[in-house]
Amino acid sequence: MIKKTAFAAAALFSTLSAFASGNLVTNGSFEDQAQGAGSWNIYSSINGWTATTGGIEIRNAVAGAAQDGGNFVELDANFNSVMSQTIATVAGQAYKLSFWYSSRPVAPENGAFTGNTVPAGSNGLSYNVGGGAVGVYAPTADTDSFNDWTLYTTTFVAGAGPATTLTFSATGLSDSYGTSLDNVTLTAVPEPSELSLLAAGLLVVAGLARRRQNRG
């Protein structure tokens, strides 16, 4: 009986954990692409992501540092670019999207910090989830040589069909200087009724285990 209750409890905890931390985005921090420190390159696609306009510019310790890991994306490659990923989702299920973004920092010239900022108008980011919720951001100019990362989160409900397309686009001046993106996550959000049911199940399992223990 103890083994059965322990197994049931583990299953319930596993379900809760899956809701809470299961990132559905493939290569959300862009670390699957081999990019040496101090280098950058533009790709038509990387693992999980496809450039639908322009290219995907991966940077590693060039004009700023990543928020997570070593790699990050600058959305304005040679010109404003668009990248997307299609993710398996459940129609009617709520999801939480989060990502980090930063204005383009000042790049040192000949190894020296000049203080010349990239204009605020060069920066700009939009996201789109399945043609539904769309957000547009025009960060201010970054006045230092570091990425000043900001976390953004939102929730949405998946539409009909087995998948949702997540898209990021550059919206500032198309001048090869733009907003950086990193650490993209998409997780299922349990409904209140589901949380209540799971919590009730955990209480039942705990009660059964306690009774068994009291009986010796």
Foldseek 3Di string as FASTA:
>chain_A
DLVVLVVLLVVLVVVVVQQVDPFQQDCQFVPQDDDDAPDKDWACADVQKGKPFGTWIKHFPFLAAGPDDGIWTFQQALFKTKMKGKTFDDAFFKKKKKKKKFFRAQGADPPHGDQDWDALLQEKKWKDKQNPDIDIDRDGIHRHSYTPIDMDMDMDGDHDDGIIMMMMITDGGTHRGYMMIGRIGMGTHDDPVVVVVSVVSSVVSVVVSVVVVVVD
